[in-house]
PDB file of N, CA and C in Angstrom:
ATOM      1  N   GLN A   1      21.933  25.327 -18.684  1.00  0.00           N
ATOM      2  CA  GLN A   1      20.642  25.097 -18.063  1.00  0.00           C
ATOM      3  C   GLN A   1      20.757  23.904 -17.113  1.00  0.00           C
ATOM      4  N   LYS A   2      20.148  24.034 -15.932  1.00  0.00           N
ATOM      5  CA  LYS A   2      20.197  23.009 -14.896  1.00  0.00           C
ATOM      6  C   LYS A   2      19.226  21.870 -15.222  1.00  0.00           C
ATOM      7  N   GLN A   3      19.710  20.643 -15.102  1.00  0.00           N
ATOM      8  CA  GLN A   3      18.871  19.486 -15.420  1.00  0.00           C
ATOM      9  C   GLN A   3      17.973  19.140 -14.232  1.00  0.00           C
ATOM     10  N   GLN A   4      16.690  18.893 -14.493  1.00  0.00           N
ATOM     11  CA  GLN A   4      15.743  18.561 -13.438  1.00  0.00           C
ATOM     12  C   GLN A   4      15.817  17.073 -13.106  1.00  0.00           C
ATOM     13  N   LYS A   5      15.556  16.767 -11.826  1.00  0.00           N
ATOM     14  CA  LYS A   5      15.499  15.366 -11.413  1.00  0.00           C
ATOM     15  C   LYS A   5      14.186  14.764 -11.896  1.00  0.00           C
ATOM     16  N   PRO A   6      14.204  13.496 -12.283  1.00  0.00           N
ATOM     17  CA  PRO A   6      12.953  12.862 -12.731  1.00  0.00           C
ATOM     18  C   PRO A   6      11.972  12.699 -11.574  1.00  0.00           C
ATOM     19  N   LEU A   7      10.698  12.791 -11.897  1.00  0.00           N
ATOM     20  CA  LEU A   7       9.658  12.574 -10.893  1.00  0.00           C
ATOM     21  C   LEU A   7       9.553  11.083 -10.593  1.00  0.00           C
ATOM     22  N   LEU A   8       9.513  10.759  -9.317  1.00  0.00           N
ATOM     23  CA  LEU A   8       9.438   9.352  -8.916  1.00  0.00           C
ATOM     24  C   LEU A   8       8.117   9.030  -8.229  1.00  0.00           C
ATOM     25  N   ALA A   9       7.083   9.814  -8.521  1.00  0.00           N
ATOM     26  CA  ALA A   9       5.782   9.617  -7.878  1.00  0.00           C
ATOM     27  C   ALA A   9       5.218   8.226  -8.155  1.00  0.00           C
ATOM     28  N   HIS A  10       5.590   7.633  -9.273  1.00  0.00           N
ATOM     29  CA  HIS A  10       5.079   6.305  -9.608  1.00  0.00           C
ATOM     30  C   HIS A  10       5.799   5.199  -8.832  1.00  0.00           C
ATOM     31  N   ASP A  11       6.857   5.536  -8.104  1.00  0.00           N
ATOM     32  CA  ASP A  11       7.630   4.550  -7.343  1.00  0.00           C
ATOM     33  C   ASP A  11       7.184   4.447  -5.889  1.00  0.00           C
ATOM     34  N   ARG A  12       5.986   4.841  -5.584  1.00  0.00           N
ATOM     35  CA  ARG A  12       5.542   4.797  -4.189  1.00  0.00           C
ATOM     36  C   ARG A  12       5.125   3.378  -3.789  1.00  0.00           C
ATOM     37  N   THR A  13       5.124   3.117  -2.494  1.00  0.00           N
ATOM     38  CA  THR A  13       4.724   1.824  -1.964  1.00  0.00           C
ATOM     39  C   THR A  13       3.217   1.683  -2.063  1.00  0.00           C
ATOM     40  N   LYS A  14       2.762   0.515  -2.483  1.00  0.00           N
ATOM     41  CA  LYS A  14       1.320   0.272  -2.595  1.00  0.00           C
ATOM     42  C   LYS A  14       0.702   0.142  -1.214  1.00  0.00           C
ATOM     43  N   ASN A  15      -0.525   0.629  -1.109  1.00  0.00           N
ATOM     44  CA  ASN A  15      -1.280   0.503   0.130  1.00  0.00           C
ATOM     45  C   ASN A  15      -2.112  -0.775   0.041  1.00  0.00           C
ATOM     46  N   VAL A  16      -1.697  -1.819   0.750  1.00  0.00           N
ATOM     47  CA  VAL A  16      -2.391  -3.101   0.715  1.00  0.00           C
ATOM     48  C   VAL A  16      -2.860  -3.475   2.116  1.00  0.00           C
ATOM     49  N   PRO A  17      -3.972  -4.211   2.225  1.00  0.00           N
ATOM     50  CA  PRO A  17      -4.510  -4.534   3.543  1.00  0.00           C
ATOM     51  C   PRO A  17      -3.654  -5.520   4.345  1.00  0.00           C
ATOM     52  N   LEU A  18      -2.911  -6.378   3.676  1.00  0.00           N
ATOM     53  CA  LEU A  18      -2.063  -7.356   4.358  1.00  0.00           C
ATOM     54  C   LEU A  18      -0.616  -7.185   3.920  1.00  0.00           C
ATOM     55  N   SER A  19       0.277  -7.226   4.869  1.00  0.00           N
ATOM     56  CA  SER A  19       1.693  -7.114   4.538  1.00  0.00           C
ATOM     57  C   SER A  19       2.162  -8.388   3.841  1.00  0.00           C
ATOM     58  N   PRO A  20       2.862  -8.248   2.704  1.00  0.00           N
ATOM     59  CA  PRO A  20       3.414  -9.433   2.044  1.00  0.00           C
ATOM     60  C   PRO A  20       4.450 -10.140   2.925  1.00  0.00           C
ATOM     61  N   ASN A  21       4.931  -9.439   3.954  1.00  0.00           N
ATOM     62  CA  ASN A  21       5.876 -10.039   4.895  1.00  0.00           C
ATOM     63  C   ASN A  21       5.183 -10.851   5.984  1.00  0.00           C
ATOM     64  N   ALA A  22       3.859 -10.906   5.962  1.00  0.00           N
ATOM     65  CA  ALA A  22       3.121 -11.645   6.987  1.00  0.00           C
ATOM     66  C   ALA A  22       3.604 -13.092   7.050  1.00  0.00           C
ATOM     67  N   ASP A  23       3.775 -13.566   8.257  1.00  0.00           N
ATOM     68  CA  ASP A  23       4.301 -14.903   8.502  1.00  0.00           C
ATOM     69  C   ASP A  23       3.490 -15.987   7.789  1.00  0.00           C
ATOM     70  N   PHE A  24       2.155 -15.861   7.792  1.00  0.00           N
ATOM     71  CA  PHE A  24       1.332 -16.905   7.175  1.00  0.00           C
ATOM     72  C   PHE A  24       1.538 -16.985   5.669  1.00  0.00           C
ATOM     73  N   PHE A  25       1.830 -15.848   4.998  1.00  0.00           N
ATOM     74  CA  PHE A  25       2.125 -15.898   3.564  1.00  0.00           C
ATOM     75  C   PHE A  25       3.387 -16.714   3.308  1.00  0.00           C
ATOM     76  N   GLN A  26       4.382 -16.531   4.167  1.00  0.00           N
ATOM     77  CA  GLN A  26       5.634 -17.281   4.025  1.00  0.00           C
ATOM     78  C   GLN A  26       5.414 -18.763   4.305  1.00  0.00           C
ATOM     79  N   LYS A  27       4.644 -19.072   5.340  1.00  0.00           N
ATOM     80  CA  LYS A  27       4.394 -20.478   5.683  1.00  0.00           C
ATOM     81  C   LYS A  27       3.549 -21.189   4.635  1.00  0.00           C
ATOM     82  N   LEU A  28       2.678 -20.458   3.959  1.00  0.00           N
ATOM     83  CA  LEU A  28       1.878 -21.046   2.888  1.00  0.00           C
ATOM     84  C   LEU A  28       2.652 -21.134   1.575  1.00  0.00           C
ATOM     85  N   GLY A  29       3.846 -20.536   1.535  1.00  0.00           N
ATOM     86  CA  GLY A  29       4.663 -20.569   0.325  1.00  0.00           C
ATOM     87  C   GLY A  29       4.282 -19.534  -0.710  1.00  0.00           C
ATOM     88  N   VAL A  30       3.525 -18.520  -0.305  1.00  0.00           N
ATOM     89  CA  VAL A  30       3.114 -17.475  -1.227  1.00  0.00           C
ATOM     90  C   VAL A  30       4.250 -16.466  -1.421  1.00  0.00           C
ATOM     91  N   THR A  31       4.931 -16.109  -0.332  1.00  0.00           N
ATOM     92  CA  THR A  31       6.043 -15.150  -0.410  1.00  0.00           C
ATOM     93  C   THR A  31       7.303 -15.764   0.182  1.00  0.00           C
ATOM     94  N   ASN A  32       8.442 -15.136  -0.142  1.00  0.00           N
ATOM     95  CA  ASN A  32       9.707 -15.582   0.433  1.00  0.00           C
ATOM     96  C   ASN A  32       9.997 -14.773   1.705  1.00  0.00           C
ATOM     97  N   MET A  33      11.169 -14.925   2.258  1.00  0.00           N
ATOM     98  CA  MET A  33      11.528 -14.252   3.512  1.00  0.00           C
ATOM     99  C   MET A  33      11.559 -12.722   3.377  1.00  0.00           C
ATOM    100  N   GLU A  34      11.749 -12.219   2.159  1.00  0.00           N
ATOM    101  CA  GLU A  34      11.762 -10.772   1.926  1.00  0.00           C
ATOM    102  C   GLU A  34      10.364 -10.218   1.653  1.00  0.00           C
ATOM    103  N   GLY A  35       9.348 -11.075   1.628  1.00  0.00           N
ATOM    104  CA  GLY A  35       7.986 -10.632   1.350  1.00  0.00           C
ATOM    105  C   GLY A  35       7.691 -10.513  -0.130  1.00  0.00           C
ATOM    106  N   LYS A  36       8.555 -11.023  -0.965  1.00  0.00           N
ATOM    107  CA  LYS A  36       8.337 -11.002  -2.419  1.00  0.00           C
ATOM    108  C   LYS A  36       7.636 -12.299  -2.825  1.00  0.00           C
ATOM    109  N   PRO A  37       6.690 -12.206  -3.780  1.00  0.00           N
ATOM    110  CA  PRO A  37       5.976 -13.421  -4.200  1.00  0.00           C
ATOM    111  C   PRO A  37       6.938 -14.469  -4.771  1.00  0.00           C
ATOM    112  N   ARG A  38       6.700 -15.712  -4.395  1.00  0.00           N
ATOM    113  CA  ARG A  38       7.476 -16.816  -4.966  1.00  0.00           C
ATOM    114  C   ARG A  38       7.057 -16.990  -6.424  1.00  0.00           C
ATOM    115  N   PRO A  39       7.899 -17.651  -7.226  1.00  0.00           N
ATOM    116  CA  PRO A  39       7.541 -17.866  -8.636  1.00  0.00           C
ATOM    117  C   PRO A  39       6.158 -18.519  -8.772  1.00  0.00           C
ATOM    118  N   GLY A  40       5.318 -17.919  -9.588  1.00  0.00           N
ATOM    119  CA  GLY A  40       3.987 -18.447  -9.836  1.00  0.00           C
ATOM    120  C   GLY A  40       2.944 -18.089  -8.787  1.00  0.00           C
ATOM    121  N   MET A  41       3.319 -17.299  -7.767  1.00  0.00           N
ATOM    122  CA  MET A  41       2.386 -16.996  -6.675  1.00  0.00           C
ATOM    123  C   MET A  41       1.960 -15.524  -6.638  1.00  0.00           C
ATOM    124  N   LYS A  42       2.406 -14.741  -7.596  1.00  0.00           N
ATOM    125  CA  LYS A  42       2.066 -13.313  -7.607  1.00  0.00           C
ATOM    126  C   LYS A  42       0.546 -13.111  -7.686  1.00  0.00           C
ATOM    127  N   SER A  43      -0.125 -13.884  -8.535  1.00  0.00           N
ATOM    128  CA  SER A  43      -1.582 -13.738  -8.670  1.00  0.00           C
ATOM    129  C   SER A  43      -2.298 -14.206  -7.404  1.00  0.00           C
ATOM    130  N   LYS A  44      -1.758 -15.204  -6.715  1.00  0.00           N
ATOM    131  CA  LYS A  44      -2.362 -15.671  -5.460  1.00  0.00           C
ATOM    132  C   LYS A  44      -2.257 -14.585  -4.389  1.00  0.00           C
ATOM    133  N   LEU A  45      -1.120 -13.891  -4.338  1.00  0.00           N
ATOM    134  CA  LEU A  45      -0.950 -12.795  -3.388  1.00  0.00           C
ATOM    135  C   LEU A  45      -1.945 -11.679  -3.693  1.00  0.00           C
ATOM    136  N   ARG A  46      -2.099 -11.321  -4.979  1.00  0.00           N
ATOM    137  CA  ARG A  46      -3.079 -10.300  -5.375  1.00  0.00           C
ATOM    138  C   ARG A  46      -4.495 -10.744  -5.020  1.00  0.00           C
ATOM    139  N   GLN A  47      -4.792 -12.027  -5.223  1.00  0.00           N
ATOM    140  CA  GLN A  47      -6.126 -12.552  -4.913  1.00  0.00           C
ATOM    141  C   GLN A  47      -6.413 -12.421  -3.415  1.00  0.00           C
ATOM    142  N   CYS A  48      -5.451 -12.750  -2.580  1.00  0.00           N
ATOM    143  CA  CYS A  48      -5.631 -12.636  -1.130  1.00  0.00           C
ATOM    144  C   CYS A  48      -5.839 -11.179  -0.721  1.00  0.00           C
ATOM    145  N   GLN A  49      -5.038 -10.269  -1.302  1.00  0.00           N
ATOM    146  CA  GLN A  49      -5.179  -8.847  -0.983  1.00  0.00           C
ATOM    147  C   GLN A  49      -6.571  -8.341  -1.379  1.00  0.00           C
ATOM    148  N   ARG A  50      -7.017  -8.708  -2.550  1.00  0.00           N
ATOM    149  CA  ARG A  50      -8.332  -8.256  -3.033  1.00  0.00           C
ATOM    150  C   ARG A  50      -9.464  -8.849  -2.190  1.00  0.00           C
ATOM    151  N   PHE A  51      -9.322 -10.117  -1.810  1.00  0.00           N
ATOM    152  CA  PHE A  51     -10.312 -10.774  -0.968  1.00  0.00           C
ATOM    153  C   PHE A  51     -10.481 -10.015   0.356  1.00  0.00           C
ATOM    154  N   VAL A  52      -9.375  -9.643   0.976  1.00  0.00           N
ATOM    155  CA  VAL A  52      -9.437  -8.921   2.251  1.00  0.00           C
ATOM    156  C   VAL A  52     -10.050  -7.533   2.052  1.00  0.00           C
ATOM    157  N   GLU A  53      -9.747  -6.873   0.942  1.00  0.00           N
ATOM    158  CA  GLU A  53     -10.372  -5.575   0.658  1.00  0.00           C
ATOM    159  C   GLU A  53     -11.889  -5.716   0.574  1.00  0.00           C
ATOM    160  N   ILE A  54     -12.355  -6.721  -0.158  1.00  0.00           N
ATOM    161  CA  ILE A  54     -13.799  -6.918  -0.346  1.00  0.00           C
ATOM    162  C   ILE A  54     -14.477  -7.290   0.967  1.00  0.00           C
ATOM    163  N   VAL A  55     -13.944  -8.291   1.651  1.00  0.00           N
ATOM    164  CA  VAL A  55     -14.557  -8.738   2.903  1.00  0.00           C
ATOM    165  C   VAL A  55     -14.463  -7.642   3.964  1.00  0.00           C
ATOM    166  N   GLY A  56     -13.337  -6.926   3.996  1.00  0.00           N
ATOM    167  CA  GLY A  56     -13.195  -5.830   4.958  1.00  0.00           C
ATOM    168  C   GLY A  56     -14.258  -4.760   4.760  1.00  0.00           C
ATOM    169  N   GLY A  57     -14.523  -4.424   3.507  1.00  0.00           N
ATOM    170  CA  GLY A  57     -15.569  -3.444   3.215  1.00  0.00           C
ATOM    171  C   GLY A  57     -16.945  -3.937   3.631  1.00  0.00           C
ATOM    172  N   LEU A  58     -17.208  -5.222   3.391  1.00  0.00           N
ATOM    173  CA  LEU A  58     -18.503  -5.795   3.791  1.00  0.00           C
ATOM    174  C   LEU A  58     -18.657  -5.812   5.309  1.00  0.00           C
ATOM    175  N   VAL A  59     -17.589  -6.160   6.007  1.00  0.00           N
ATOM    176  CA  VAL A  59     -17.638  -6.193   7.478  1.00  0.00           C
ATOM    177  C   VAL A  59     -17.854  -4.787   8.022  1.00  0.00           C
ATOM    178  N   GLU A  60     -17.108  -3.820   7.490  1.00  0.00           N
ATOM    179  CA  GLU A  60     -17.271  -2.436   7.955  1.00  0.00           C
ATOM    180  C   GLU A  60     -18.687  -1.940   7.736  1.00  0.00           C
ATOM    181  N   SER A  61     -19.263  -2.217   6.575  1.00  0.00           N
ATOM    182  CA  SER A  61     -20.621  -1.741   6.318  1.00  0.00           C
ATOM    183  C   SER A  61     -21.635  -2.495   7.176  1.00  0.00           C
ATOM    184  N   SER A  62     -21.386  -3.767   7.470  1.00  0.00           N
ATOM    185  CA  SER A  62     -22.295  -4.538   8.327  1.00  0.00           C
ATOM    186  C   SER A  62     -22.248  -4.049   9.759  1.00  0.00           C
ATOM    187  N   ILE A  63     -21.056  -3.746  10.233  1.00  0.00           N
ATOM    188  CA  ILE A  63     -20.919  -3.274  11.609  1.00  0.00           C
ATOM    189  C   ILE A  63     -21.583  -1.916  11.772  1.00  0.00           C
ATOM    190  N   SER A  64     -21.422  -1.059  10.779  1.00  0.00           N
ATOM    191  CA  SER A  64     -22.014   0.276  10.888  1.00  0.00           C
ATOM    192  C   SER A  64     -23.542   0.229  10.828  1.00  0.00           C
ATOM    193  N   LYS A  65     -24.115  -0.833  10.241  1.00  0.00           N
ATOM    194  CA  LYS A  65     -25.562  -0.946  10.115  1.00  0.00           C
ATOM    195  C   LYS A  65     -26.198  -1.691  11.288  1.00  0.00           C
ATOM    196  N   THR A  66     -25.393  -2.386  12.078  1.00  0.00           N
ATOM    197  CA  THR A  66     -25.945  -3.148  13.197  1.00  0.00           C
ATOM    198  C   THR A  66     -25.640  -2.454  14.509  1.00  0.00           C
ATOM    199  N   ALA A  67     -26.425  -2.771  15.503  1.00  0.00           N
ATOM    200  CA  ALA A  67     -26.180  -2.224  16.839  1.00  0.00           C
ATOM    201  C   ALA A  67     -24.875  -2.820  17.373  1.00  0.00           C
ATOM    202  N   PRO A  68     -24.137  -2.074  18.181  1.00  0.00           N
ATOM    203  CA  PRO A  68     -22.854  -2.572  18.697  1.00  0.00           C
ATOM    204  C   PRO A  68     -22.971  -3.899  19.439  1.00  0.00           C
ATOM    205  N   ALA A  69     -24.136  -4.183  20.023  1.00  0.00           N
ATOM    206  CA  ALA A  69     -24.306  -5.414  20.794  1.00  0.00           C
ATOM    207  C   ALA A  69     -24.522  -6.639  19.901  1.00  0.00           C
ATOM    208  N   LYS A  70     -24.840  -6.426  18.628  1.00  0.00           N
ATOM    209  CA  LYS A  70     -25.089  -7.550  17.717  1.00  0.00           C
ATOM    210  C   LYS A  70     -23.778  -8.243  17.364  1.00  0.00           C
ATOM    211  N   LYS A  71     -23.882  -9.541  17.172  1.00  0.00           N
ATOM    212  CA  LYS A  71     -22.719 -10.350  16.823  1.00  0.00           C
ATOM    213  C   LYS A  71     -22.706 -10.588  15.315  1.00  0.00           C
ATOM    214  N   LEU A  72     -21.539 -10.441  14.704  1.00  0.00           N
ATOM    215  CA  LEU A  72     -21.376 -10.679  13.280  1.00  0.00           C
ATOM    216  C   LEU A  72     -20.707 -12.031  13.108  1.00  0.00           C
ATOM    217  N   SER A  73     -21.371 -12.933  12.396  1.00  0.00           N
ATOM    218  CA  SER A  73     -20.820 -14.277  12.180  1.00  0.00           C
ATOM    219  C   SER A  73     -20.387 -14.432  10.735  1.00  0.00           C
ATOM    220  N   MET A  74     -19.257 -15.119  10.535  1.00  0.00           N
ATOM    221  CA  MET A  74     -18.763 -15.413   9.201  1.00  0.00           C
ATOM    222  C   MET A  74     -18.486 -16.908   9.126  1.00  0.00           C
ATOM    223  N   VAL A  75     -18.687 -17.477   7.944  1.00  0.00           N
ATOM    224  CA  VAL A  75     -18.480 -18.908   7.753  1.00  0.00           C
ATOM    225  C   VAL A  75     -17.479 -19.116   6.622  1.00  0.00           C
ATOM    226  N   ASP A  76     -16.489 -19.958   6.877  1.00  0.00           N
ATOM    227  CA  ASP A  76     -15.522 -20.336   5.848  1.00  0.00           C
ATOM    228  C   ASP A  76     -15.913 -21.737   5.401  1.00  0.00           C
ATOM    229  N   MET A  77     -16.169 -21.901   4.119  1.00  0.00           N
ATOM    230  CA  MET A  77     -16.627 -23.193   3.607  1.00  0.00           C
ATOM    231  C   MET A  77     -15.494 -24.219   3.491  1.00  0.00           C
ATOM    232  N   GLY A  78     -14.258 -23.788   3.665  1.00  0.00           N
ATOM    233  CA  GLY A  78     -13.145 -24.733   3.710  1.00  0.00           C
ATOM    234  C   GLY A  78     -12.804 -25.383   2.385  1.00  0.00           C
ATOM    235  N   CYS A  79     -12.999 -24.704   1.274  1.00  0.00           N
ATOM    236  CA  CYS A  79     -12.675 -25.262  -0.039  1.00  0.00           C
ATOM    237  C   CYS A  79     -11.268 -24.849  -0.459  1.00  0.00           C
ATOM    238  N   GLY A  80     -10.596 -25.690  -1.164  1.00  0.00           N
ATOM    239  CA  GLY A  80      -9.263 -25.346  -1.686  1.00  0.00           C
ATOM    240  C   GLY A  80      -8.174 -25.507  -0.660  1.00  0.00           C
ATOM    241  N   ARG A  81      -7.087 -24.792  -0.868  1.00  0.00           N
ATOM    242  CA  ARG A  81      -5.897 -24.946  -0.035  1.00  0.00           C
ATOM    243  C   ARG A  81      -5.872 -24.045   1.185  1.00  0.00           C
ATOM    244  N   GLY A  82      -6.772 -23.122   1.299  1.00  0.00           N
ATOM    245  CA  GLY A  82      -6.848 -22.309   2.500  1.00  0.00           C
ATOM    246  C   GLY A  82      -6.118 -20.984   2.435  1.00  0.00           C
ATOM    247  N   TYR A  83      -5.631 -20.576   1.275  1.00  0.00           N
ATOM    248  CA  TYR A  83      -4.947 -19.284   1.184  1.00  0.00           C
ATOM    249  C   TYR A  83      -5.847 -18.147   1.667  1.00  0.00           C
ATOM    250  N   LEU A  84      -7.111 -18.171   1.231  1.00  0.00           N
ATOM    251  CA  LEU A  84      -8.035 -17.106   1.614  1.00  0.00           C
ATOM    252  C   LEU A  84      -8.501 -17.250   3.055  1.00  0.00           C
ATOM    253  N   THR A  85      -8.506 -18.464   3.578  1.00  0.00           N
ATOM    254  CA  THR A  85      -8.855 -18.667   4.981  1.00  0.00           C
ATOM    255  C   THR A  85      -7.857 -17.939   5.867  1.00  0.00           C
ATOM    256  N   PHE A  86      -6.579 -18.050   5.559  1.00  0.00           N
ATOM    257  CA  PHE A  86      -5.562 -17.418   6.363  1.00  0.00           C
ATOM    258  C   PHE A  86      -5.507 -15.916   6.145  1.00  0.00           C
ATOM    259  N   ALA A  87      -5.948 -15.462   4.964  1.00  0.00           N
ATOM    260  CA  ALA A  87      -5.960 -14.015   4.682  1.00  0.00           C
ATOM    261  C   ALA A  87      -6.958 -13.343   5.597  1.00  0.00           C
TER     262      ALA A  87
END
């Protein structure tokens, strides 16, 4: 009997809003040159990705509800180290 190859569907690349290879992640010390999280920074990378997902959804829904001529303003309160500011 011929042996079947294992299914590798669980080995797919995650769909994330920001590339872990982004230059600002490396400059902030969140990821290394290969785009892998530095020790102790995996949760910070996840936090930045989730933040962009949430804010992106809010921006998309705000734009769709406003007339194209309206301006959308966002304010960064500048707290902490700025990881989310750069995200």
